[in-house]
Amino acid sequence: MLGTHWIDGAPADTEQVDLAGLAEVVAAHRRHLDLLRHRPDAVRAFEVAHAVVVSWWAQQWPDEEQWPHRVRQLTPQGADPGWWRLLARDAVTYPETVALTSVLTGERTRQRR
């Protein structure tokens, strides 16, 4: 179960991302768990989705509003914004990664294989 903190692949005594106020990240986690329970290909699909979404993140599109908003919500007062942007990337993009995973494991996509 996902609590109110996201640990970005780091030991528990390092930086944590506070998810308070980011209901979409918590909802994405619930959806991700559901996919893992019901779709045998969800693990591989998540890996592919993550790679795609990270490439989108690297683009830093000027019209993107949701990800910068999440980064601002997650950045603690006094933290280095550049460092925090890197640390929070996976939490910030998690809802989109899970949404793409859902598409990749969905019935319509599976029928096209």
C-alpha atoms as a PDB file:
ATOM      1  CA  MET A   1       0.000   0.000   0.000  1.00  0.00           C
ATOM      2  CA  LEU A   2       1.228   3.465  -0.879  1.00  0.00           C
ATOM      3  CA  GLY A   3       1.478   5.841   2.036  1.00  0.00           C
ATOM      4  CA  THR A   4       1.804   9.565   1.839  1.00  0.00           C
ATOM      5  CA  HIS A   5       5.456   9.501   0.857  1.00  0.00           C
ATOM      6  CA  TRP A   6       7.208   8.376  -2.276  1.00  0.00           C
ATOM      7  CA  ILE A   7      10.722   7.004  -1.971  1.00  0.00           C
ATOM      8  CA  ASP A   8      12.318   7.250  -5.371  1.00  0.00           C
ATOM      9  CA  GLY A   9      14.289   4.033  -5.416  1.00  0.00           C
ATOM     10  CA  ALA A  10      16.256   5.193  -2.414  1.00  0.00           C
ATOM     11  CA  PRO A  11      16.758   3.844   1.087  1.00  0.00           C
ATOM     12  CA  ALA A  12      14.161   5.075   3.577  1.00  0.00           C
ATOM     13  CA  ASP A  13      16.638   7.381   5.320  1.00  0.00           C
ATOM     14  CA  THR A  14      17.171   9.522   2.198  1.00  0.00           C
ATOM     15  CA  GLU A  15      14.988  12.119   0.493  1.00  0.00           C
ATOM     16  CA  GLN A  16      11.255  11.439   0.406  1.00  0.00           C
ATOM     17  CA  VAL A  17       8.555  13.052  -1.680  1.00  0.00           C
ATOM     18  CA  ASP A  18       5.432  14.081   0.239  1.00  0.00           C
ATOM     19  CA  LEU A  19       2.319  13.078  -1.717  1.00  0.00           C
ATOM     20  CA  ALA A  20      -0.164  15.046   0.383  1.00  0.00           C
ATOM     21  CA  GLY A  21      -2.395  16.902  -2.039  1.00  0.00           C
ATOM     22  CA  LEU A  22      -1.532  14.716  -5.027  1.00  0.00           C
ATOM     23  CA  ALA A  23      -4.573  12.456  -5.162  1.00  0.00           C
ATOM     24  CA  GLU A  24      -3.838  11.554  -8.789  1.00  0.00           C
ATOM     25  CA  VAL A  25      -0.582   9.845  -7.754  1.00  0.00           C
ATOM     26  CA  VAL A  26      -2.321   7.806  -5.059  1.00  0.00           C
ATOM     27  CA  ALA A  27      -5.143   6.903  -7.486  1.00  0.00           C
ATOM     28  CA  ALA A  28      -2.550   5.858 -10.070  1.00  0.00           C
ATOM     29  CA  HIS A  29      -0.964   3.569  -7.505  1.00  0.00           C
ATOM     30  CA  ARG A  30      -4.295   1.871  -6.872  1.00  0.00           C
ATOM     31  CA  ARG A  31      -4.765   1.433 -10.632  1.00  0.00           C
ATOM     32  CA  HIS A  32      -1.212   0.087 -10.949  1.00  0.00           C
ATOM     33  CA  LEU A  33      -1.844  -2.513  -8.238  1.00  0.00           C
ATOM     34  CA  ASP A  34      -5.053  -3.525  -9.997  1.00  0.00           C
ATOM     35  CA  LEU A  35      -3.183  -3.933 -13.287  1.00  0.00           C
ATOM     36  CA  LEU A  36      -0.503  -6.037 -11.595  1.00  0.00           C
ATOM     37  CA  ARG A  37      -3.193  -8.320 -10.148  1.00  0.00           C
ATOM     38  CA  HIS A  38      -5.158  -8.759 -13.365  1.00  0.00           C
ATOM     39  CA  ARG A  39      -2.750  -8.383 -16.278  1.00  0.00           C
ATOM     40  CA  PRO A  40       0.210 -10.760 -16.477  1.00  0.00           C
ATOM     41  CA  ASP A  41       1.995  -8.407 -18.883  1.00  0.00           C
ATOM     42  CA  ALA A  42       1.651  -5.337 -16.623  1.00  0.00           C
ATOM     43  CA  VAL A  43       5.222  -5.511 -15.282  1.00  0.00           C
ATOM     44  CA  ARG A  44       6.757  -5.419 -18.753  1.00  0.00           C
ATOM     45  CA  ALA A  45       4.210  -2.856 -19.964  1.00  0.00           C
ATOM     46  CA  PHE A  46       5.071  -0.596 -17.014  1.00  0.00           C
ATOM     47  CA  GLU A  47       8.767  -0.795 -17.919  1.00  0.00           C
ATOM     48  CA  VAL A  48       7.997   0.253 -21.492  1.00  0.00           C
ATOM     49  CA  ALA A  49       5.586   2.972 -20.357  1.00  0.00           C
ATOM     50  CA  HIS A  50       8.170   4.304 -17.908  1.00  0.00           C
ATOM     51  CA  ALA A  51      10.800   4.546 -20.650  1.00  0.00           C
ATOM     52  CA  VAL A  52       8.368   6.398 -22.922  1.00  0.00           C
ATOM     53  CA  VAL A  53       7.230   8.804 -20.204  1.00  0.00           C
ATOM     54  CA  VAL A  54      10.828   9.527 -19.133  1.00  0.00           C
ATOM     55  CA  SER A  55      11.563  10.464 -22.752  1.00  0.00           C
ATOM     56  CA  TRP A  56       8.561  12.824 -22.647  1.00  0.00           C
ATOM     57  CA  TRP A  57       9.886  14.289 -19.372  1.00  0.00           C
ATOM     58  CA  ALA A  58      13.253  14.959 -21.001  1.00  0.00           C
ATOM     59  CA  GLN A  59      11.547  17.034 -23.706  1.00  0.00           C
ATOM     60  CA  GLN A  60      10.502  19.720 -21.169  1.00  0.00           C
ATOM     61  CA  TRP A  61       7.721  20.941 -23.412  1.00  0.00           C
ATOM     62  CA  PRO A  62       6.938  24.608 -22.763  1.00  0.00           C
ATOM     63  CA  ASP A  63       3.155  24.031 -22.908  1.00  0.00           C
ATOM     64  CA  GLU A  64       3.211  21.274 -20.282  1.00  0.00           C
ATOM     65  CA  GLU A  65       1.486  22.473 -17.122  1.00  0.00           C
ATOM     66  CA  GLN A  66       0.662  19.389 -15.040  1.00  0.00           C
ATOM     67  CA  TRP A  67       4.187  18.138 -14.374  1.00  0.00           C
ATOM     68  CA  PRO A  68       5.632  21.534 -13.390  1.00  0.00           C
ATOM     69  CA  HIS A  69       2.626  22.004 -11.108  1.00  0.00           C
ATOM     70  CA  ARG A  70       3.290  18.651  -9.408  1.00  0.00           C
ATOM     71  CA  VAL A  71       6.987  19.475  -9.057  1.00  0.00           C
ATOM     72  CA  ARG A  72       6.101  22.771  -7.363  1.00  0.00           C
ATOM     73  CA  GLN A  73       3.700  20.956  -5.024  1.00  0.00           C
ATOM     74  CA  LEU A  74       6.356  18.406  -4.094  1.00  0.00           C
ATOM     75  CA  THR A  75       9.367  20.692  -3.652  1.00  0.00           C
ATOM     76  CA  PRO A  76      10.013  21.385   0.029  1.00  0.00           C
ATOM     77  CA  GLN A  77      10.728  24.953   1.040  1.00  0.00           C
ATOM     78  CA  GLY A  78      14.422  25.705   0.723  1.00  0.00           C
ATOM     79  CA  ALA A  79      15.167  22.687  -1.472  1.00  0.00           C
ATOM     80  CA  ASP A  80      17.252  23.041  -4.617  1.00  0.00           C
ATOM     81  CA  PRO A  81      14.586  23.051  -7.380  1.00  0.00           C
ATOM     82  CA  GLY A  82      16.893  21.422  -9.947  1.00  0.00           C
ATOM     83  CA  TRP A  83      17.844  18.567  -7.639  1.00  0.00           C
ATOM     84  CA  TRP A  84      14.269  18.130  -6.457  1.00  0.00           C
ATOM     85  CA  ARG A  85      12.997  18.007 -10.060  1.00  0.00           C
ATOM     86  CA  LEU A  86      15.300  15.054 -10.673  1.00  0.00           C
ATOM     87  CA  LEU A  87      14.410  13.343  -7.417  1.00  0.00           C
ATOM     88  CA  ALA A  88      10.663  13.721  -7.915  1.00  0.00           C
ATOM     89  CA  ARG A  89      10.530  12.750 -11.609  1.00  0.00           C
ATOM     90  CA  ASP A  90       9.078   9.274 -11.153  1.00  0.00           C
ATOM     91  CA  ALA A  91       6.467  10.448  -8.645  1.00  0.00           C
ATOM     92  CA  VAL A  92       5.531  13.399 -10.861  1.00  0.00           C
ATOM     93  CA  THR A  93       5.124  11.247 -13.976  1.00  0.00           C
ATOM     94  CA  TYR A  94       3.659   8.186 -12.245  1.00  0.00           C
ATOM     95  CA  PRO A  95       0.000   8.858 -13.171  1.00  0.00           C
ATOM     96  CA  GLU A  96       0.891   9.123 -16.864  1.00  0.00           C
ATOM     97  CA  THR A  97       3.123   6.051 -16.663  1.00  0.00           C
ATOM     98  CA  VAL A  98       0.282   4.023 -15.157  1.00  0.00           C
ATOM     99  CA  ALA A  99      -2.191   5.414 -17.711  1.00  0.00           C
ATOM    100  CA  LEU A 100       0.102   4.344 -20.559  1.00  0.00           C
ATOM    101  CA  THR A 101       0.580   0.953 -18.890  1.00  0.00           C
ATOM    102  CA  SER A 102      -3.192   0.611 -18.821  1.00  0.00           C
ATOM    103  CA  VAL A 103      -3.381   1.366 -22.547  1.00  0.00           C
ATOM    104  CA  LEU A 104      -0.592  -1.105 -23.325  1.00  0.00           C
ATOM    105  CA  THR A 105      -2.302  -3.888 -21.363  1.00  0.00           C
ATOM    106  CA  GLY A 106      -5.832  -2.981 -22.466  1.00  0.00           C
ATOM    107  CA  GLU A 107      -8.068  -5.205 -24.527  1.00  0.00           C
ATOM    108  CA  ARG A 108      -7.842  -3.095 -27.697  1.00  0.00           C
ATOM    109  CA  THR A 109      -4.045  -3.060 -27.624  1.00  0.00           C
ATOM    110  CA  ARG A 110      -3.849  -6.783 -26.906  1.00  0.00           C
ATOM    111  CA  GLN A 111      -6.159  -7.505 -29.871  1.00  0.00           C
ATOM    112  CA  ARG A 112      -3.764  -5.688 -32.184  1.00  0.00           C
ATOM    113  CA  ARG A 113      -0.791  -7.885 -31.320  1.00  0.00           C
END
